[in-house]
N, C-alpha and C. Protein backbone atom coordinates (compact mmCIF):
# COMPACT_ATOMS: atom_id res chain seq x y z
N MET A 1 101.59 66.92 89.18
CA MET A 1 101.13 68.23 89.59
C MET A 1 101.15 69.17 88.39
N TYR A 2 100.29 70.14 88.45
CA TYR A 2 100.18 71.09 87.35
C TYR A 2 100.67 72.47 87.76
N PHE A 3 101.46 72.55 88.81
CA PHE A 3 101.99 73.82 89.24
C PHE A 3 103.11 74.28 88.32
N THR A 4 103.29 75.58 88.30
CA THR A 4 104.39 76.17 87.54
C THR A 4 105.33 76.83 88.54
N SER A 5 106.38 77.42 88.05
CA SER A 5 107.30 78.14 88.93
C SER A 5 106.62 79.35 89.57
N ALA A 6 105.53 79.84 88.96
CA ALA A 6 104.81 81.00 89.52
C ALA A 6 104.21 80.65 90.88
N GLU A 7 103.62 79.47 91.01
CA GLU A 7 103.05 79.06 92.29
C GLU A 7 104.15 78.89 93.35
N LYS A 8 105.25 78.30 92.94
CA LYS A 8 106.38 78.14 93.87
C LYS A 8 106.84 79.51 94.37
N GLN A 9 106.89 80.48 93.47
CA GLN A 9 107.31 81.83 93.85
C GLN A 9 106.31 82.46 94.82
N ILE A 10 105.02 82.25 94.60
CA ILE A 10 104.00 82.79 95.50
C ILE A 10 104.19 82.22 96.90
N PHE A 11 104.45 80.90 96.98
CA PHE A 11 104.69 80.28 98.29
C PHE A 11 105.92 80.89 98.95
N GLU A 12 106.99 81.01 98.19
CA GLU A 12 108.22 81.56 98.76
C GLU A 12 108.03 83.01 99.20
N ASP A 13 107.33 83.81 98.40
CA ASP A 13 107.07 85.21 98.76
C ASP A 13 106.21 85.32 100.02
N ALA A 14 105.36 84.31 100.24
CA ALA A 14 104.48 84.32 101.41
C ALA A 14 105.19 83.79 102.66
N GLY A 15 106.44 83.36 102.48
CA GLY A 15 107.19 82.85 103.62
C GLY A 15 106.87 81.41 103.96
N ILE A 16 106.29 80.69 103.02
CA ILE A 16 105.98 79.28 103.23
C ILE A 16 107.14 78.48 102.64
N PRO A 17 107.84 77.73 103.47
CA PRO A 17 109.02 76.99 102.99
C PRO A 17 108.62 75.82 102.11
N PHE A 18 108.50 76.08 100.84
CA PHE A 18 108.09 75.07 99.87
C PHE A 18 108.95 73.82 99.94
N THR A 19 110.25 73.99 100.07
CA THR A 19 111.14 72.83 100.06
C THR A 19 110.93 71.93 101.27
N ASP A 20 110.41 72.49 102.37
CA ASP A 20 110.16 71.68 103.56
C ASP A 20 108.79 71.02 103.54
N HIS A 21 107.78 71.70 102.99
CA HIS A 21 106.41 71.24 103.10
C HIS A 21 105.70 70.99 101.78
N GLY A 22 106.30 71.30 100.67
CA GLY A 22 105.58 71.19 99.41
C GLY A 22 104.47 72.23 99.37
N PHE A 23 103.38 71.88 98.72
CA PHE A 23 102.27 72.82 98.58
C PHE A 23 101.21 72.60 99.64
N ASP A 24 101.60 72.30 100.86
CA ASP A 24 100.66 72.04 101.95
C ASP A 24 100.30 73.36 102.62
N LEU A 25 99.05 73.78 102.44
CA LEU A 25 98.59 75.05 103.00
C LEU A 25 97.99 74.93 104.39
N ARG A 26 97.79 73.70 104.87
CA ARG A 26 97.08 73.53 106.14
C ARG A 26 97.69 74.34 107.29
N PRO A 27 99.00 74.25 107.54
CA PRO A 27 99.53 75.03 108.67
C PRO A 27 99.33 76.54 108.47
N PHE A 28 99.56 77.00 107.26
CA PHE A 28 99.41 78.42 106.95
C PHE A 28 97.95 78.86 107.07
N ALA A 29 97.04 78.04 106.57
CA ALA A 29 95.61 78.36 106.65
C ALA A 29 95.14 78.35 108.11
N ARG A 30 95.62 77.40 108.88
CA ARG A 30 95.22 77.31 110.29
C ARG A 30 95.72 78.54 111.06
N ARG A 31 96.96 78.94 110.82
CA ARG A 31 97.52 80.12 111.49
C ARG A 31 96.77 81.40 111.12
N SER A 32 96.23 81.44 109.91
CA SER A 32 95.54 82.65 109.45
C SER A 32 94.26 82.90 110.25
N GLY A 33 93.65 81.84 110.78
CA GLY A 33 92.41 81.99 111.53
C GLY A 33 91.19 82.31 110.68
N LEU A 34 91.34 82.24 109.37
CA LEU A 34 90.25 82.62 108.47
C LEU A 34 89.21 81.54 108.23
N PHE A 35 89.52 80.30 108.54
CA PHE A 35 88.65 79.20 108.15
C PHE A 35 88.20 78.35 109.33
N LYS A 36 88.01 78.96 110.49
CA LYS A 36 87.66 78.19 111.69
C LYS A 36 86.37 77.39 111.51
N THR A 37 85.35 78.00 110.97
CA THR A 37 84.07 77.32 110.78
C THR A 37 84.20 76.16 109.82
N GLN A 38 84.86 76.38 108.69
CA GLN A 38 85.03 75.32 107.70
C GLN A 38 85.85 74.16 108.26
N TRP A 39 86.89 74.49 109.02
CA TRP A 39 87.74 73.46 109.61
C TRP A 39 86.93 72.61 110.58
N ARG A 40 86.11 73.24 111.40
CA ARG A 40 85.27 72.54 112.37
C ARG A 40 84.28 71.62 111.66
N GLU A 41 83.61 72.15 110.64
CA GLU A 41 82.64 71.35 109.89
C GLU A 41 83.31 70.16 109.21
N TYR A 42 84.46 70.39 108.64
CA TYR A 42 85.21 69.32 107.98
C TYR A 42 85.55 68.21 108.98
N LYS A 43 86.06 68.60 110.13
CA LYS A 43 86.45 67.62 111.15
C LYS A 43 85.23 66.84 111.64
N THR A 44 84.11 67.52 111.85
CA THR A 44 82.88 66.87 112.29
C THR A 44 82.41 65.86 111.24
N ASN A 45 82.43 66.27 109.97
CA ASN A 45 82.00 65.37 108.90
C ASN A 45 82.93 64.17 108.76
N LYS A 46 84.21 64.39 108.94
CA LYS A 46 85.20 63.31 108.87
C LYS A 46 84.92 62.27 109.97
N GLU A 47 84.61 62.76 111.16
CA GLU A 47 84.30 61.86 112.28
C GLU A 47 83.02 61.07 111.99
N LYS A 48 82.01 61.73 111.46
CA LYS A 48 80.74 61.05 111.14
C LYS A 48 80.97 59.94 110.12
N LEU A 49 81.84 60.20 109.15
CA LEU A 49 82.10 59.24 108.08
C LEU A 49 82.82 57.99 108.60
N ARG A 50 83.51 58.09 109.71
CA ARG A 50 84.22 56.94 110.27
C ARG A 50 83.28 55.91 110.89
N LYS A 51 82.05 56.32 111.18
CA LYS A 51 81.07 55.43 111.80
C LYS A 51 80.30 54.69 110.71
N PRO A 52 79.76 53.51 111.04
CA PRO A 52 78.94 52.80 110.05
C PRO A 52 77.71 53.64 109.67
N LEU A 53 77.50 53.81 108.37
CA LEU A 53 76.40 54.64 107.88
C LEU A 53 75.65 53.93 106.76
N ALA A 54 74.43 54.35 106.54
CA ALA A 54 73.70 53.87 105.37
C ALA A 54 74.40 54.39 104.13
N LYS A 55 74.36 53.63 103.05
CA LYS A 55 75.07 54.01 101.81
C LYS A 55 74.67 55.40 101.32
N THR A 56 73.38 55.73 101.38
CA THR A 56 72.93 57.04 100.89
C THR A 56 73.48 58.17 101.76
N THR A 57 73.52 57.95 103.08
CA THR A 57 74.07 58.95 103.99
C THR A 57 75.57 59.12 103.74
N GLU A 58 76.27 57.99 103.56
CA GLU A 58 77.71 58.03 103.29
C GLU A 58 78.00 58.78 101.99
N LYS A 59 77.20 58.51 100.97
CA LYS A 59 77.41 59.16 99.67
C LYS A 59 77.21 60.68 99.78
N LYS A 60 76.24 61.09 100.57
CA LYS A 60 75.97 62.52 100.75
C LYS A 60 77.05 63.19 101.60
N LEU A 61 77.57 62.46 102.59
CA LEU A 61 78.54 63.02 103.51
C LEU A 61 79.96 63.03 102.93
N ARG A 62 80.26 62.10 102.07
CA ARG A 62 81.63 61.92 101.54
C ARG A 62 82.26 63.21 101.00
N PRO A 63 81.56 63.98 100.15
CA PRO A 63 82.18 65.22 99.62
C PRO A 63 82.44 66.28 100.70
N LYS A 64 81.74 66.19 101.83
CA LYS A 64 81.92 67.16 102.91
C LYS A 64 83.04 66.74 103.86
N ALA A 65 83.52 65.50 103.71
CA ALA A 65 84.54 64.98 104.62
C ALA A 65 85.86 64.71 103.90
N HIS A 66 85.95 65.08 102.64
CA HIS A 66 87.18 64.87 101.87
C HIS A 66 87.49 66.13 101.08
N GLY A 67 88.76 66.37 100.86
CA GLY A 67 89.18 67.51 100.05
C GLY A 67 89.06 68.82 100.80
N LEU A 68 89.71 68.91 101.98
CA LEU A 68 89.64 70.12 102.79
C LEU A 68 90.01 71.36 101.97
N LEU A 69 91.07 71.27 101.20
CA LEU A 69 91.51 72.42 100.41
C LEU A 69 90.40 72.89 99.47
N SER A 70 89.78 71.95 98.80
CA SER A 70 88.69 72.28 97.88
C SER A 70 87.49 72.88 98.63
N LEU A 71 87.23 72.37 99.82
CA LEU A 71 86.14 72.91 100.63
C LEU A 71 86.43 74.34 101.06
N LEU A 72 87.68 74.60 101.43
CA LEU A 72 88.06 75.98 101.79
C LEU A 72 87.90 76.91 100.59
N ALA A 73 88.37 76.45 99.43
CA ALA A 73 88.27 77.26 98.22
C ALA A 73 86.81 77.53 97.86
N THR A 74 85.97 76.53 98.00
CA THR A 74 84.54 76.69 97.71
C THR A 74 83.93 77.74 98.63
N SER A 75 84.34 77.73 99.89
CA SER A 75 83.76 78.66 100.87
C SER A 75 84.10 80.12 100.55
N ILE A 76 85.14 80.34 99.76
CA ILE A 76 85.52 81.72 99.42
C ILE A 76 85.30 82.05 97.95
N GLY A 77 84.59 81.15 97.24
CA GLY A 77 84.16 81.51 95.90
C GLY A 77 84.63 80.69 94.73
N LEU A 78 85.49 79.70 94.92
CA LEU A 78 85.92 78.86 93.81
C LEU A 78 85.10 77.57 93.85
N PRO A 79 84.13 77.43 92.96
CA PRO A 79 83.26 76.25 93.04
C PRO A 79 84.00 74.95 92.76
N ARG A 80 83.59 73.92 93.48
CA ARG A 80 84.15 72.59 93.29
C ARG A 80 83.41 71.95 92.12
N PRO A 81 84.12 71.47 91.10
CA PRO A 81 83.43 70.86 89.96
C PRO A 81 82.72 69.57 90.37
N CYS A 82 81.62 69.29 89.71
CA CYS A 82 80.86 68.09 90.06
C CYS A 82 81.67 66.82 89.81
N SER A 83 82.68 66.88 88.97
CA SER A 83 83.51 65.72 88.67
C SER A 83 84.61 65.51 89.71
N TYR A 84 84.70 66.40 90.71
CA TYR A 84 85.76 66.30 91.72
C TYR A 84 85.56 65.02 92.52
N GLY A 85 86.55 64.14 92.50
CA GLY A 85 86.43 62.83 93.13
C GLY A 85 86.79 62.83 94.60
N ALA A 86 86.04 63.56 95.41
CA ALA A 86 86.32 63.63 96.84
C ALA A 86 86.27 62.25 97.46
N GLY A 87 87.39 61.84 98.02
CA GLY A 87 87.47 60.53 98.66
C GLY A 87 87.66 59.37 97.71
N SER A 88 87.92 59.65 96.43
CA SER A 88 88.03 58.59 95.42
C SER A 88 89.42 58.41 94.84
N VAL A 89 90.36 59.24 95.22
CA VAL A 89 91.68 59.21 94.60
C VAL A 89 92.36 57.86 94.79
N GLY A 90 92.35 57.32 95.99
CA GLY A 90 92.97 56.02 96.24
C GLY A 90 92.35 54.92 95.40
N LYS A 91 91.03 54.96 95.28
CA LYS A 91 90.31 53.97 94.46
C LYS A 91 90.73 54.10 92.99
N TYR A 92 90.85 55.33 92.51
CA TYR A 92 91.28 55.54 91.12
C TYR A 92 92.68 54.96 90.90
N ILE A 93 93.59 55.26 91.82
CA ILE A 93 94.97 54.81 91.66
C ILE A 93 95.05 53.28 91.69
N ARG A 94 94.31 52.65 92.59
CA ARG A 94 94.30 51.17 92.61
C ARG A 94 93.79 50.62 91.28
N TYR A 95 92.80 51.26 90.71
CA TYR A 95 92.25 50.83 89.42
C TYR A 95 93.31 50.96 88.32
N PHE A 96 94.06 52.08 88.32
CA PHE A 96 95.11 52.28 87.31
C PHE A 96 96.19 51.21 87.43
N MET A 97 96.55 50.90 88.66
CA MET A 97 97.59 49.89 88.87
C MET A 97 97.14 48.53 88.33
N LYS A 98 95.88 48.24 88.53
CA LYS A 98 95.33 46.97 88.01
C LYS A 98 95.35 46.99 86.48
N GLN A 99 94.94 48.10 85.90
CA GLN A 99 94.94 48.23 84.44
C GLN A 99 96.36 48.09 83.89
N ALA A 100 97.30 48.75 84.55
CA ALA A 100 98.69 48.72 84.10
C ALA A 100 99.28 47.31 84.17
N LYS A 101 98.87 46.53 85.17
CA LYS A 101 99.38 45.16 85.30
C LYS A 101 98.79 44.23 84.24
N THR A 102 97.51 44.41 83.94
CA THR A 102 96.84 43.49 83.02
C THR A 102 96.90 43.91 81.56
N LYS A 103 97.11 45.21 81.33
CA LYS A 103 97.15 45.73 79.96
C LYS A 103 98.50 46.39 79.75
N GLY A 104 99.20 45.98 78.75
CA GLY A 104 100.55 46.49 78.51
C GLY A 104 100.62 47.94 78.09
N ARG A 105 99.62 48.40 77.34
CA ARG A 105 99.65 49.78 76.82
C ARG A 105 98.40 50.53 77.24
N TYR A 106 98.53 51.83 77.36
CA TYR A 106 97.38 52.67 77.71
C TYR A 106 96.25 52.48 76.70
N ALA A 107 96.59 52.33 75.44
CA ALA A 107 95.57 52.16 74.39
C ALA A 107 94.70 50.93 74.65
N ASP A 108 95.21 49.97 75.40
CA ASP A 108 94.46 48.74 75.71
C ASP A 108 93.61 48.86 76.97
N TRP A 109 93.74 49.94 77.70
CA TRP A 109 92.97 50.11 78.93
C TRP A 109 91.48 50.13 78.62
N SER A 110 90.68 49.78 79.60
CA SER A 110 89.23 49.83 79.44
C SER A 110 88.77 51.29 79.38
N LYS A 111 87.59 51.49 78.86
CA LYS A 111 87.03 52.84 78.79
C LYS A 111 86.88 53.41 80.21
N GLY A 112 86.48 52.56 81.15
CA GLY A 112 86.33 53.00 82.54
C GLY A 112 87.66 53.45 83.14
N GLY A 113 88.74 52.73 82.83
CA GLY A 113 90.06 53.10 83.31
C GLY A 113 90.50 54.44 82.77
N LYS A 114 90.26 54.66 81.49
CA LYS A 114 90.63 55.94 80.87
C LYS A 114 89.79 57.08 81.45
N THR A 115 88.51 56.80 81.71
CA THR A 115 87.64 57.82 82.31
C THR A 115 88.12 58.19 83.69
N LYS A 116 88.48 57.19 84.50
CA LYS A 116 88.97 57.45 85.85
C LYS A 116 90.28 58.25 85.82
N LEU A 117 91.12 57.98 84.84
CA LEU A 117 92.36 58.73 84.72
C LEU A 117 92.07 60.20 84.40
N THR A 118 91.11 60.43 83.53
CA THR A 118 90.70 61.80 83.21
C THR A 118 90.13 62.49 84.44
N LEU A 119 89.32 61.76 85.22
CA LEU A 119 88.75 62.34 86.44
C LEU A 119 89.85 62.69 87.44
N LEU A 120 90.84 61.83 87.56
CA LEU A 120 91.94 62.11 88.48
C LEU A 120 92.73 63.34 88.02
N LYS A 121 92.94 63.47 86.73
CA LYS A 121 93.65 64.64 86.19
C LYS A 121 92.86 65.91 86.50
N LYS A 122 91.56 65.88 86.31
CA LYS A 122 90.72 67.06 86.60
C LYS A 122 90.71 67.36 88.09
N HIS A 123 90.70 66.30 88.90
CA HIS A 123 90.75 66.45 90.35
C HIS A 123 92.05 67.17 90.74
N ASN A 124 93.16 66.72 90.19
CA ASN A 124 94.46 67.31 90.48
C ASN A 124 94.53 68.77 90.01
N GLU A 125 94.00 69.04 88.84
CA GLU A 125 93.98 70.41 88.34
C GLU A 125 93.21 71.33 89.29
N HIS A 126 92.07 70.82 89.79
CA HIS A 126 91.28 71.64 90.72
C HIS A 126 92.02 71.83 92.04
N ASP A 127 92.72 70.80 92.51
CA ASP A 127 93.51 70.95 93.73
C ASP A 127 94.57 72.04 93.56
N CYS A 128 95.20 72.07 92.40
CA CYS A 128 96.22 73.09 92.13
C CYS A 128 95.60 74.49 92.10
N LYS A 129 94.46 74.62 91.42
CA LYS A 129 93.77 75.91 91.37
C LYS A 129 93.34 76.33 92.77
N SER A 130 92.84 75.37 93.54
CA SER A 130 92.38 75.66 94.90
C SER A 130 93.53 76.12 95.79
N THR A 131 94.69 75.48 95.64
CA THR A 131 95.85 75.87 96.44
C THR A 131 96.19 77.33 96.19
N ARG A 132 96.28 77.69 94.94
CA ARG A 132 96.63 79.07 94.61
C ARG A 132 95.53 80.03 95.08
N TYR A 133 94.28 79.66 94.87
CA TYR A 133 93.14 80.50 95.24
C TYR A 133 93.11 80.77 96.74
N VAL A 134 93.28 79.71 97.53
CA VAL A 134 93.25 79.85 98.99
C VAL A 134 94.47 80.64 99.47
N LEU A 135 95.64 80.35 98.93
CA LEU A 135 96.84 81.07 99.33
C LEU A 135 96.69 82.56 99.04
N GLU A 136 96.24 82.90 97.86
CA GLU A 136 96.06 84.32 97.52
C GLU A 136 95.03 84.98 98.41
N TYR A 137 93.98 84.25 98.76
CA TYR A 137 92.95 84.77 99.66
C TYR A 137 93.56 85.07 101.03
N ILE A 138 94.33 84.11 101.55
CA ILE A 138 94.96 84.30 102.87
C ILE A 138 95.90 85.51 102.82
N LEU A 139 96.69 85.60 101.79
CA LEU A 139 97.65 86.71 101.68
C LEU A 139 96.94 88.06 101.59
N ASN A 140 95.78 88.10 100.94
CA ASN A 140 95.03 89.35 100.79
C ASN A 140 94.21 89.71 102.02
N HIS A 141 94.11 88.79 102.99
CA HIS A 141 93.29 89.04 104.18
C HIS A 141 94.11 88.98 105.47
N GLN A 142 95.39 89.23 105.37
CA GLN A 142 96.25 89.23 106.58
C GLN A 142 96.14 90.57 107.28
């Protein structure tokens, strides 16, 4: 995670028990009532993705059915970077584990493995920015 003590303090000041829930904004966002439309669309897209779909339809739907926090942040003005791996984190991690088992040092990893690690880092950075952005938005609109 790329959070600092400043984010932890924001959560604590907002009355969100960080030690109990970590940086999970879902309960707080749901209670705020500010994102009803986005929540509904996300849930609908998630359900659609569970059904067998054509690859092109699945590829188009995937970013709308993953990364709820990022979708909420986008809806209030923080754009989601095109490199954001919505629905790809598990795949990235499995790839790293394979690389780590077969290659002793990071320097020996494939170019694809290193690229995926960079994408995961950027994904995580955006999740952290989104968390703070959404939390501040909720706090400013109570």
